[in-house]
Amino acid sequence: MRARKCRLNMMTYYSGKPCIWMNYINIRGTACRKCLVPMWFSTSTHASTISSLTQNYCGRIKFPGAAGSPQEYNFGTYNGYNRDFGCTRYGESTTNWWFGDIYVTTNRFTNIKPI
């Protein structure tokens, strides 16, 4: 899962299940780029995506094989999970959030030869 920090601030609490723009997400081999995905936010748990709601709630993408009851949570809180998803396959499985950015060099003098 990859999202822009300007569209998803993980330090901000969003009420309910907003649809969040993702640059990229892959759940059990089904991937999309620049798509809306519902996320669950709570003051007492980690944020997570809810792959079982994507088609009905955000209307764009369906993740085949998503557990319907309880709802399947991915990348965070696991109230409902799917053993076919790598991040919830084993009892020891965890989700790790990485905050960062792509480094782009700004050196504009790479083609200038010294005199």
N, C-alpha and C. Protein backbone atom coordinates (compact mmCIF):
# COMPACT_ATOMS: atom_id res chain seq x y z
N MET A 1 0.85 -1.16 0.00
CA MET A 1 0.00 0.00 0.00
C MET A 1 0.90 1.23 0.00
N ARG A 2 0.61 2.16 -0.90
CA ARG A 2 1.40 3.39 -0.98
C ARG A 2 0.44 4.55 -1.23
N ALA A 3 0.54 5.57 -0.40
CA ALA A 3 -0.32 6.75 -0.55
C ALA A 3 0.52 8.01 -0.37
N ARG A 4 0.08 9.09 -0.95
CA ARG A 4 0.77 10.37 -0.77
C ARG A 4 0.47 10.93 0.61
N LYS A 5 1.49 11.50 1.21
CA LYS A 5 1.31 12.07 2.55
C LYS A 5 0.31 13.21 2.54
N CYS A 6 0.19 13.91 1.42
CA CYS A 6 -0.76 15.03 1.37
C CYS A 6 -2.20 14.54 1.30
N ARG A 7 -2.41 13.29 0.91
CA ARG A 7 -3.77 12.74 0.85
C ARG A 7 -4.11 11.86 2.04
N LEU A 8 -3.10 11.36 2.70
CA LEU A 8 -3.33 10.49 3.85
C LEU A 8 -2.32 10.83 4.93
N ASN A 9 -2.74 11.55 5.92
CA ASN A 9 -1.88 11.90 7.04
C ASN A 9 -2.19 10.92 8.16
N MET A 10 -1.29 9.97 8.39
CA MET A 10 -1.54 8.93 9.38
C MET A 10 -1.58 9.45 10.81
N MET A 11 -1.17 10.68 11.02
CA MET A 11 -1.21 11.27 12.36
C MET A 11 -2.52 12.01 12.61
N THR A 12 -3.37 12.04 11.61
CA THR A 12 -4.66 12.72 11.74
C THR A 12 -5.76 11.67 11.90
N TYR A 13 -6.70 11.95 12.76
CA TYR A 13 -7.83 11.04 12.93
C TYR A 13 -8.93 11.42 11.95
N TYR A 14 -9.35 10.48 11.14
CA TYR A 14 -10.47 10.68 10.23
C TYR A 14 -11.64 9.89 10.81
N SER A 15 -12.79 10.49 10.92
CA SER A 15 -13.92 9.76 11.50
C SER A 15 -14.52 8.82 10.47
N GLY A 16 -14.95 7.68 10.94
CA GLY A 16 -15.64 6.72 10.08
C GLY A 16 -14.73 5.98 9.13
N LYS A 17 -15.25 5.74 7.92
CA LYS A 17 -14.54 4.97 6.90
C LYS A 17 -14.41 5.80 5.63
N PRO A 18 -13.53 6.76 5.60
CA PRO A 18 -13.40 7.57 4.38
C PRO A 18 -12.72 6.78 3.26
N CYS A 19 -13.04 7.15 2.03
CA CYS A 19 -12.34 6.58 0.88
C CYS A 19 -11.07 7.40 0.67
N ILE A 20 -9.93 6.74 0.66
CA ILE A 20 -8.63 7.39 0.56
C ILE A 20 -7.99 7.03 -0.78
N TRP A 21 -7.44 8.02 -1.47
CA TRP A 21 -6.72 7.77 -2.72
C TRP A 21 -5.40 7.08 -2.43
N MET A 22 -5.17 5.94 -3.05
CA MET A 22 -3.92 5.21 -2.93
C MET A 22 -3.16 5.32 -4.24
N ASN A 23 -1.86 5.55 -4.15
CA ASN A 23 -1.04 5.51 -5.37
C ASN A 23 -0.94 4.07 -5.86
N TYR A 24 -0.87 3.13 -4.90
CA TYR A 24 -0.74 1.72 -5.25
C TYR A 24 -1.16 0.88 -4.06
N ILE A 25 -1.87 -0.21 -4.33
CA ILE A 25 -2.21 -1.17 -3.29
C ILE A 25 -2.29 -2.55 -3.93
N ASN A 26 -1.87 -3.57 -3.19
CA ASN A 26 -1.91 -4.95 -3.68
C ASN A 26 -2.36 -5.83 -2.53
N ILE A 27 -3.50 -6.49 -2.73
CA ILE A 27 -4.03 -7.42 -1.73
C ILE A 27 -4.26 -8.76 -2.41
N ARG A 28 -3.53 -9.77 -1.99
CA ARG A 28 -3.61 -11.12 -2.53
C ARG A 28 -3.45 -11.16 -4.05
N GLY A 29 -2.56 -10.33 -4.60
CA GLY A 29 -2.28 -10.36 -6.03
C GLY A 29 -3.16 -9.45 -6.87
N THR A 30 -4.21 -8.89 -6.30
CA THR A 30 -5.03 -7.92 -7.02
C THR A 30 -4.52 -6.54 -6.66
N ALA A 31 -4.09 -5.81 -7.68
CA ALA A 31 -3.48 -4.51 -7.43
C ALA A 31 -4.20 -3.42 -8.21
N CYS A 32 -4.08 -2.22 -7.73
CA CYS A 32 -4.58 -1.07 -8.48
C CYS A 32 -3.67 0.12 -8.21
N ARG A 33 -3.68 1.03 -9.15
CA ARG A 33 -2.93 2.29 -9.03
C ARG A 33 -3.94 3.43 -9.10
N LYS A 34 -3.71 4.42 -8.28
CA LYS A 34 -4.57 5.61 -8.24
C LYS A 34 -6.04 5.21 -8.09
N CYS A 35 -6.33 4.55 -6.99
CA CYS A 35 -7.70 4.09 -6.75
C CYS A 35 -8.15 4.48 -5.34
N LEU A 36 -9.45 4.47 -5.14
CA LEU A 36 -10.04 4.78 -3.84
C LEU A 36 -10.19 3.50 -3.03
N VAL A 37 -9.78 3.56 -1.78
CA VAL A 37 -9.86 2.40 -0.89
C VAL A 37 -10.41 2.87 0.45
N PRO A 38 -11.41 2.15 1.02
CA PRO A 38 -11.91 2.56 2.33
C PRO A 38 -10.92 2.21 3.43
N MET A 39 -10.78 3.11 4.37
CA MET A 39 -9.91 2.87 5.53
C MET A 39 -10.73 3.07 6.79
N TRP A 40 -10.33 2.36 7.81
CA TRP A 40 -10.98 2.48 9.11
C TRP A 40 -10.02 3.17 10.05
N PHE A 41 -10.51 4.20 10.72
CA PHE A 41 -9.69 4.94 11.68
C PHE A 41 -10.39 4.93 13.03
N SER A 42 -9.62 4.76 14.07
CA SER A 42 -10.15 4.77 15.42
C SER A 42 -9.09 5.38 16.33
N THR A 43 -9.51 5.98 17.41
CA THR A 43 -8.54 6.55 18.35
C THR A 43 -7.85 5.46 19.18
N SER A 44 -8.34 4.22 19.11
CA SER A 44 -7.77 3.16 19.95
C SER A 44 -7.10 2.03 19.16
N THR A 45 -7.08 2.11 17.82
CA THR A 45 -6.48 1.05 17.01
C THR A 45 -5.67 1.65 15.86
N HIS A 46 -4.89 0.80 15.21
CA HIS A 46 -4.16 1.22 14.01
C HIS A 46 -5.14 1.41 12.87
N ALA A 47 -4.82 2.33 11.98
CA ALA A 47 -5.63 2.50 10.77
C ALA A 47 -5.48 1.26 9.91
N SER A 48 -6.49 0.93 9.13
CA SER A 48 -6.39 -0.23 8.24
C SER A 48 -7.34 -0.07 7.07
N THR A 49 -7.04 -0.79 5.99
CA THR A 49 -7.94 -0.82 4.85
C THR A 49 -8.97 -1.91 5.10
N ILE A 50 -10.10 -1.81 4.42
CA ILE A 50 -11.16 -2.82 4.55
C ILE A 50 -11.46 -3.33 3.15
N SER A 51 -10.75 -4.38 2.74
CA SER A 51 -10.86 -4.85 1.35
C SER A 51 -12.22 -5.44 1.03
N SER A 52 -12.97 -5.89 2.02
CA SER A 52 -14.29 -6.46 1.74
C SER A 52 -15.32 -5.38 1.43
N LEU A 53 -15.00 -4.11 1.65
CA LEU A 53 -15.94 -3.02 1.38
C LEU A 53 -15.61 -2.21 0.13
N THR A 54 -14.48 -2.45 -0.51
CA THR A 54 -14.03 -1.53 -1.56
C THR A 54 -15.02 -1.34 -2.69
N GLN A 55 -15.60 -2.41 -3.20
CA GLN A 55 -16.49 -2.27 -4.35
C GLN A 55 -17.79 -1.57 -3.97
N ASN A 56 -18.38 -1.93 -2.86
CA ASN A 56 -19.66 -1.34 -2.46
C ASN A 56 -19.50 0.04 -1.86
N TYR A 57 -18.41 0.26 -1.13
CA TYR A 57 -18.26 1.50 -0.39
C TYR A 57 -17.59 2.60 -1.20
N CYS A 58 -16.53 2.25 -1.91
CA CYS A 58 -15.81 3.25 -2.70
C CYS A 58 -16.07 3.11 -4.19
N GLY A 59 -16.68 2.00 -4.59
CA GLY A 59 -17.18 1.84 -5.94
C GLY A 59 -16.19 1.66 -7.07
N ARG A 60 -14.94 1.30 -6.80
CA ARG A 60 -13.98 1.23 -7.89
C ARG A 60 -13.38 -0.15 -8.10
N ILE A 61 -12.89 -0.76 -7.06
CA ILE A 61 -12.13 -2.01 -7.23
C ILE A 61 -12.68 -3.10 -6.33
N LYS A 62 -12.63 -4.32 -6.83
CA LYS A 62 -13.06 -5.46 -6.02
C LYS A 62 -11.84 -6.36 -5.81
N PHE A 63 -11.61 -6.72 -4.57
CA PHE A 63 -10.54 -7.65 -4.24
C PHE A 63 -11.16 -9.04 -4.12
N PRO A 64 -11.03 -9.90 -5.15
CA PRO A 64 -11.64 -11.23 -5.11
C PRO A 64 -11.18 -12.02 -3.89
N GLY A 65 -12.09 -12.78 -3.34
CA GLY A 65 -11.77 -13.62 -2.20
C GLY A 65 -11.76 -12.90 -0.87
N ALA A 66 -12.20 -11.64 -0.85
CA ALA A 66 -12.22 -10.90 0.42
C ALA A 66 -13.26 -11.52 1.34
N ALA A 67 -12.89 -11.70 2.58
CA ALA A 67 -13.81 -12.25 3.58
C ALA A 67 -14.93 -11.25 3.81
N GLY A 68 -16.17 -11.70 3.81
CA GLY A 68 -17.29 -10.79 3.96
C GLY A 68 -17.78 -10.64 5.38
N SER A 69 -17.70 -11.70 6.18
CA SER A 69 -18.20 -11.61 7.54
C SER A 69 -17.28 -12.41 8.46
N PRO A 70 -16.58 -11.81 9.38
CA PRO A 70 -16.54 -10.36 9.57
C PRO A 70 -15.79 -9.70 8.42
N GLN A 71 -15.90 -8.39 8.33
CA GLN A 71 -15.23 -7.67 7.26
C GLN A 71 -13.73 -7.94 7.30
N GLU A 72 -13.11 -7.96 6.11
CA GLU A 72 -11.67 -8.23 6.05
C GLU A 72 -10.87 -6.93 6.13
N TYR A 73 -10.07 -6.84 7.17
CA TYR A 73 -9.20 -5.68 7.38
C TYR A 73 -7.79 -6.04 6.90
N ASN A 74 -7.11 -5.09 6.27
CA ASN A 74 -5.75 -5.30 5.79
C ASN A 74 -4.86 -4.14 6.22
N PHE A 75 -3.60 -4.42 6.44
CA PHE A 75 -2.59 -3.40 6.75
C PHE A 75 -2.89 -2.63 8.03
N GLY A 76 -3.21 -3.28 9.10
CA GLY A 76 -3.41 -2.55 10.36
C GLY A 76 -4.13 -3.37 11.39
N THR A 77 -5.31 -2.94 11.78
CA THR A 77 -6.12 -3.65 12.77
C THR A 77 -6.75 -4.86 12.11
N TYR A 78 -6.71 -6.00 12.76
CA TYR A 78 -7.23 -7.21 12.16
C TYR A 78 -8.42 -7.75 12.94
N ASN A 79 -9.54 -7.06 12.86
CA ASN A 79 -10.78 -7.57 13.46
C ASN A 79 -11.29 -8.75 12.66
N GLY A 80 -11.19 -8.65 11.36
CA GLY A 80 -11.52 -9.74 10.45
C GLY A 80 -10.34 -9.90 9.51
N TYR A 81 -9.92 -11.13 9.26
CA TYR A 81 -8.72 -11.32 8.45
C TYR A 81 -8.89 -12.50 7.51
N ASN A 82 -7.97 -12.64 6.59
CA ASN A 82 -8.01 -13.68 5.58
C ASN A 82 -6.65 -14.39 5.57
N ARG A 83 -6.64 -15.70 5.75
CA ARG A 83 -5.39 -16.46 5.78
C ARG A 83 -4.66 -16.45 4.43
N ASP A 84 -5.36 -16.06 3.36
CA ASP A 84 -4.73 -15.98 2.05
C ASP A 84 -3.96 -14.68 1.85
N PHE A 85 -4.08 -13.76 2.79
CA PHE A 85 -3.37 -12.48 2.71
C PHE A 85 -2.07 -12.60 3.50
N GLY A 86 -0.94 -12.33 2.86
CA GLY A 86 0.37 -12.54 3.47
C GLY A 86 0.56 -11.85 4.81
N CYS A 87 -0.05 -10.69 5.00
CA CYS A 87 0.14 -9.95 6.25
C CYS A 87 -0.67 -10.52 7.40
N THR A 88 -1.58 -11.45 7.13
CA THR A 88 -2.37 -12.06 8.20
C THR A 88 -2.32 -13.59 8.14
N ARG A 89 -1.40 -14.13 7.39
CA ARG A 89 -1.34 -15.58 7.18
C ARG A 89 -1.07 -16.36 8.45
N TYR A 90 -0.16 -15.84 9.30
CA TYR A 90 0.24 -16.56 10.50
C TYR A 90 -0.04 -15.72 11.74
N GLY A 91 -0.12 -16.36 12.88
CA GLY A 91 -0.33 -15.64 14.13
C GLY A 91 0.77 -14.65 14.44
N GLU A 92 1.96 -14.89 13.90
CA GLU A 92 3.10 -14.00 14.13
C GLU A 92 3.17 -12.87 13.11
N SER A 93 2.27 -12.86 12.13
CA SER A 93 2.30 -11.84 11.08
C SER A 93 2.04 -10.46 11.67
N THR A 94 2.73 -9.48 11.13
CA THR A 94 2.55 -8.10 11.60
C THR A 94 2.44 -7.15 10.42
N THR A 95 1.97 -5.97 10.70
CA THR A 95 1.96 -4.89 9.72
C THR A 95 2.94 -3.85 10.20
N ASN A 96 3.80 -3.40 9.32
CA ASN A 96 4.77 -2.36 9.65
C ASN A 96 4.53 -1.16 8.76
N TRP A 97 4.37 -0.02 9.36
CA TRP A 97 4.16 1.21 8.61
C TRP A 97 5.51 1.87 8.40
N TRP A 98 5.81 2.26 7.17
CA TRP A 98 7.04 2.97 6.83
C TRP A 98 6.64 4.35 6.34
N PHE A 99 7.17 5.37 6.97
CA PHE A 99 6.90 6.74 6.57
C PHE A 99 8.15 7.29 5.91
N GLY A 100 8.01 7.77 4.72
CA GLY A 100 9.17 8.29 4.01
C GLY A 100 8.75 8.88 2.69
N ASP A 101 9.73 9.14 1.89
CA ASP A 101 9.48 9.75 0.61
C ASP A 101 10.50 9.23 -0.38
N ILE A 102 10.25 9.43 -1.63
CA ILE A 102 11.20 9.06 -2.66
C ILE A 102 12.24 10.16 -2.74
N TYR A 103 13.50 9.78 -2.75
CA TYR A 103 14.57 10.77 -2.84
C TYR A 103 14.85 11.05 -4.31
N VAL A 104 14.76 12.31 -4.68
CA VAL A 104 15.07 12.73 -6.04
C VAL A 104 16.21 13.72 -5.96
N THR A 105 17.28 13.43 -6.66
CA THR A 105 18.42 14.33 -6.63
C THR A 105 18.08 15.65 -7.30
N THR A 106 18.59 16.73 -6.76
CA THR A 106 18.31 18.05 -7.33
C THR A 106 19.58 18.69 -7.88
N ASN A 107 20.61 17.90 -8.06
CA ASN A 107 21.86 18.43 -8.59
C ASN A 107 21.69 18.71 -10.08
N ARG A 108 21.64 19.97 -10.44
CA ARG A 108 21.43 20.35 -11.84
C ARG A 108 22.74 20.52 -12.59
N PHE A 109 23.86 20.29 -11.94
CA PHE A 109 25.15 20.53 -12.55
C PHE A 109 25.85 19.24 -12.95
N THR A 110 25.13 18.16 -13.11
CA THR A 110 25.75 16.87 -13.41
C THR A 110 26.38 16.83 -14.80
N ASN A 111 25.88 17.62 -15.75
CA ASN A 111 26.41 17.59 -17.11
C ASN A 111 27.44 18.69 -17.38
N ILE A 112 27.77 19.50 -16.40
CA ILE A 112 28.73 20.58 -16.58
C ILE A 112 30.12 20.05 -16.29
N LYS A 113 31.01 20.27 -17.23
CA LYS A 113 32.39 19.81 -17.07
C LYS A 113 33.24 20.93 -16.48
N PRO A 114 34.13 20.60 -15.54
CA PRO A 114 34.98 21.64 -14.96
C PRO A 114 35.95 22.20 -16.00
N ILE A 115 36.35 23.45 -15.83
CA ILE A 115 37.28 24.12 -16.77
C ILE A 115 38.71 23.81 -16.38
